[in-house]
C-alpha atoms as a PDB file:
ATOM      1  CA  MET A   1      52.288  55.558  16.473  1.00  0.00           C
ATOM      2  CA  TYR A   2      53.663  52.644  14.941  1.00  0.00           C
ATOM      3  CA  GLU A   3      50.265  50.833  15.949  1.00  0.00           C
ATOM      4  CA  GLN A   4      48.120  53.546  14.484  1.00  0.00           C
ATOM      5  CA  ALA A   5      49.640  53.578  11.307  1.00  0.00           C
ATOM      6  CA  GLY A   6      48.099  49.806  10.718  1.00  0.00           C
ATOM      7  CA  PHE A   7      51.267  48.963   8.272  1.00  0.00           C
ATOM      8  CA  ALA A   8      51.779  45.358   8.184  1.00  0.00           C
ATOM      9  CA  TYR A   9      55.330  44.578   9.771  1.00  0.00           C
ATOM     10  CA  GLN A  10      57.050  43.441  12.823  1.00  0.00           C
ATOM     11  CA  PHE A  11      57.982  46.646  14.563  1.00  0.00           C
ATOM     12  CA  PRO A  12      61.576  47.107  14.598  1.00  0.00           C
ATOM     13  CA  ASP A  13      64.237  46.617  17.245  1.00  0.00           C
ATOM     14  CA  LEU A  14      66.016  49.999  17.777  1.00  0.00           C
ATOM     15  CA  HIS A  15      68.108  48.869  19.864  1.00  0.00           C
ATOM     16  CA  SER A  16      69.690  46.641  17.600  1.00  0.00           C
ATOM     17  CA  PRO A  17      73.130  47.807  16.972  1.00  0.00           C
ATOM     18  CA  LEU A  18      72.094  47.903  12.470  1.00  0.00           C
ATOM     19  CA  PHE A  19      69.945  51.139  14.099  1.00  0.00           C
ATOM     20  CA  GLU A  20      72.244  53.957  13.023  1.00  0.00           C
ATOM     21  CA  ALA A  21      70.589  57.106  14.032  1.00  0.00           C
ATOM     22  CA  ALA A  22      67.030  57.592  15.419  1.00  0.00           C
ATOM     23  CA  LYS A  23      65.059  61.403  15.283  1.00  0.00           C
ATOM     24  CA  VAL A  24      61.801  62.497  16.830  1.00  0.00           C
ATOM     25  CA  VAL A  25      59.673  65.416  16.535  1.00  0.00           C
ATOM     26  CA  VAL A  26      57.594  67.022  19.583  1.00  0.00           C
ATOM     27  CA  ASP A  27      55.055  69.464  19.963  1.00  0.00           C
ATOM     28  CA  GLU A  28      55.319  72.376  22.108  1.00  0.00           C
ATOM     29  CA  ASP A  29      54.584  70.031  24.739  1.00  0.00           C
ATOM     30  CA  ASP A  30      57.044  67.825  24.355  1.00  0.00           C
ATOM     31  CA  GLN A  31      54.438  64.902  22.836  1.00  0.00           C
ATOM     32  CA  PRO A  32      56.019  62.962  19.939  1.00  0.00           C
ATOM     33  CA  LEU A  33      54.216  63.445  16.249  1.00  0.00           C
ATOM     34  CA  MET A  34      56.732  61.867  14.278  1.00  0.00           C
ATOM     35  CA  ALA A  35      60.177  59.722  14.438  1.00  0.00           C
ATOM     36  CA  ALA A  36      62.188  58.121  11.379  1.00  0.00           C
ATOM     37  CA  ALA A  37      65.011  55.458  12.240  1.00  0.00           C
ATOM     38  CA  ALA A  38      67.943  54.343  10.121  1.00  0.00           C
ATOM     39  CA  GLU A  39      69.250  51.106   9.716  1.00  0.00           C
ATOM     40  CA  ARG A  40      71.731  49.481   7.843  1.00  0.00           C
ATOM     41  CA  ILE A  41      70.317  47.227   5.398  1.00  0.00           C
ATOM     42  CA  ILE A  42      72.322  44.629   2.964  1.00  0.00           C
ATOM     43  CA  GLN A  43      71.668  45.351  -0.668  1.00  0.00           C
ATOM     44  CA  LEU A  44      72.804  42.532  -2.757  1.00  0.00           C
ATOM     45  CA  TYR A  45      74.399  42.828  -6.379  1.00  0.00           C
ATOM     46  CA  LEU A  46      74.619  39.624  -8.850  1.00  0.00           C
ATOM     47  CA  PHE A  47      77.495  39.514 -11.693  1.00  0.00           C
ATOM     48  CA  CYS A  48      77.055  37.273 -13.953  1.00  0.00           C
ATOM     49  CA  GLY A  49      78.795  36.056 -16.950  1.00  0.00           C
ATOM     50  CA  LYS A  50      77.226  34.025 -19.595  1.00  0.00           C
ATOM     51  CA  MET A  51      76.538  30.788 -19.410  1.00  0.00           C
ATOM     52  CA  GLU A  52      75.554  28.245 -21.852  1.00  0.00           C
ATOM     53  CA  HIS A  53      73.389  26.703 -20.012  1.00  0.00           C
ATOM     54  CA  PRO A  54      70.709  28.491 -17.749  1.00  0.00           C
ATOM     55  CA  GLY A  55      70.676  25.354 -14.929  1.00  0.00           C
ATOM     56  CA  ALA A  56      74.758  26.316 -14.828  1.00  0.00           C
ATOM     57  CA  ALA A  57      73.641  29.716 -13.260  1.00  0.00           C
ATOM     58  CA  LEU A  58      71.009  28.263 -11.148  1.00  0.00           C
ATOM     59  CA  HIS A  59      73.876  26.487  -9.589  1.00  0.00           C
ATOM     60  CA  GLY A  60      76.155  29.397  -9.237  1.00  0.00           C
ATOM     61  CA  ILE A  61      73.104  32.206  -7.660  1.00  0.00           C
ATOM     62  CA  ARG A  62      73.028  28.837  -5.449  1.00  0.00           C
ATOM     63  CA  MET A  63      76.110  28.452  -4.155  1.00  0.00           C
ATOM     64  CA  LEU A  64      76.385  32.264  -3.919  1.00  0.00           C
ATOM     65  CA  HIS A  65      73.474  31.964  -2.018  1.00  0.00           C
ATOM     66  CA  GLU A  66      74.334  29.581   0.422  1.00  0.00           C
ATOM     67  CA  ALA A  67      77.770  30.908   1.162  1.00  0.00           C
ATOM     68  CA  LEU A  68      76.650  34.609   1.994  1.00  0.00           C
ATOM     69  CA  ARG A  69      73.524  33.924   3.759  1.00  0.00           C
ATOM     70  CA  PRO A  70      75.737  32.626   7.033  1.00  0.00           C
ATOM     71  CA  GLU A  71      78.275  35.528   6.959  1.00  0.00           C
ATOM     72  CA  LEU A  72      75.521  37.808   7.104  1.00  0.00           C
ATOM     73  CA  LYS A  73      73.680  36.028   9.559  1.00  0.00           C
ATOM     74  CA  GLU A  74      76.583  36.012  11.671  1.00  0.00           C
ATOM     75  CA  ARG A  75      77.158  39.750  11.241  1.00  0.00           C
ATOM     76  CA  GLY A  76      74.033  40.407  12.298  1.00  0.00           C
ATOM     77  CA  TYR A  77      71.614  40.900   9.655  1.00  0.00           C
ATOM     78  CA  ALA A  78      68.117  39.630   9.235  1.00  0.00           C
ATOM     79  CA  GLU A  79      67.665  40.041   5.589  1.00  0.00           C
ATOM     80  CA  ALA A  80      68.927  41.086   2.766  1.00  0.00           C
ATOM     81  CA  ASN A  81      67.374  43.028  -0.441  1.00  0.00           C
ATOM     82  CA  ALA A  82      68.056  42.857  -4.064  1.00  0.00           C
ATOM     83  CA  PHE A  83      66.508  45.628  -6.651  1.00  0.00           C
ATOM     84  CA  LEU A  84      65.774  43.959  -9.649  1.00  0.00           C
ATOM     85  CA  PRO A  85      66.064  46.604 -12.628  1.00  0.00           C
ATOM     86  CA  PRO A  86      62.857  46.659 -14.130  1.00  0.00           C
ATOM     87  CA  GLN A  87      63.447  44.877 -17.676  1.00  0.00           C
ATOM     88  CA  ILE A  88      64.384  41.562 -14.991  1.00  0.00           C
ATOM     89  CA  GLU A  89      62.226  42.107 -11.900  1.00  0.00           C
ATOM     90  CA  LYS A  90      58.763  40.037 -12.831  1.00  0.00           C
ATOM     91  CA  SER A  91      60.943  36.940 -14.607  1.00  0.00           C
ATOM     92  CA  PHE A  92      63.916  37.054 -12.082  1.00  0.00           C
ATOM     93  CA  GLY A  93      62.107  37.731  -8.783  1.00  0.00           C
ATOM     94  CA  ARG A  94      59.903  35.101  -9.523  1.00  0.00           C
ATOM     95  CA  ARG A  95      63.041  32.948  -9.932  1.00  0.00           C
ATOM     96  CA  LEU A  96      63.990  34.028  -6.434  1.00  0.00           C
ATOM     97  CA  MET A  97      61.175  33.294  -4.811  1.00  0.00           C
ATOM     98  CA  ARG A  98      60.864  29.800  -6.138  1.00  0.00           C
ATOM     99  CA  SER A  99      64.419  28.812  -5.910  1.00  0.00           C
ATOM    100  CA  PHE A 100      65.236  30.532  -2.803  1.00  0.00           C
ATOM    101  CA  GLY A 101      62.580  30.838  -1.078  1.00  0.00           C
ATOM    102  CA  TRP A 102      62.492  35.053  -1.183  1.00  0.00           C
ATOM    103  CA  VAL A 103      59.884  36.988  -0.675  1.00  0.00           C
ATOM    104  CA  LYS A 104      58.624  40.357  -2.496  1.00  0.00           C
ATOM    105  CA  ASN A 105      59.191  43.659  -0.537  1.00  0.00           C
ATOM    106  CA  TRP A 106      57.730  46.860  -1.168  1.00  0.00           C
ATOM    107  CA  ALA A 107      59.064  49.324  -3.308  1.00  0.00           C
ATOM    108  CA  SER A 108      62.030  51.136  -2.897  1.00  0.00           C
ATOM    109  CA  TYR A 109      63.158  54.762  -3.439  1.00  0.00           C
ATOM    110  CA  CYS A 110      66.379  56.214  -2.577  1.00  0.00           C
ATOM    111  CA  SER A 111      67.611  59.273  -1.291  1.00  0.00           C
ATOM    112  CA  ARG A 112      71.294  60.248  -1.689  1.00  0.00           C
ATOM    113  CA  ILE A 113      73.153  61.763   0.426  1.00  0.00           C
END
């Protein structure tokens, strides 16, 4: 099913402790039709007061970035996500890519549980 979908992402390690649940829908012959798996992800929030110089804010973000990365990696995470508000997505998204090597991810949607 994964290969037939043709999407360009690596198949996840379903044995990872970050996967919380997985379910499969089968037909009357017990053949899988579709499946879903729930993986814990990291969502980053940035709280930043007003700064007189943009370079100071960039330096602070760099310090936070470098401090969080090893801690999250130690806990088994391979990535972190930032969901940017539309009014800053274009400019701040470019800054994340240029300054910190982030990559633009797919659009995100939310289901309240």
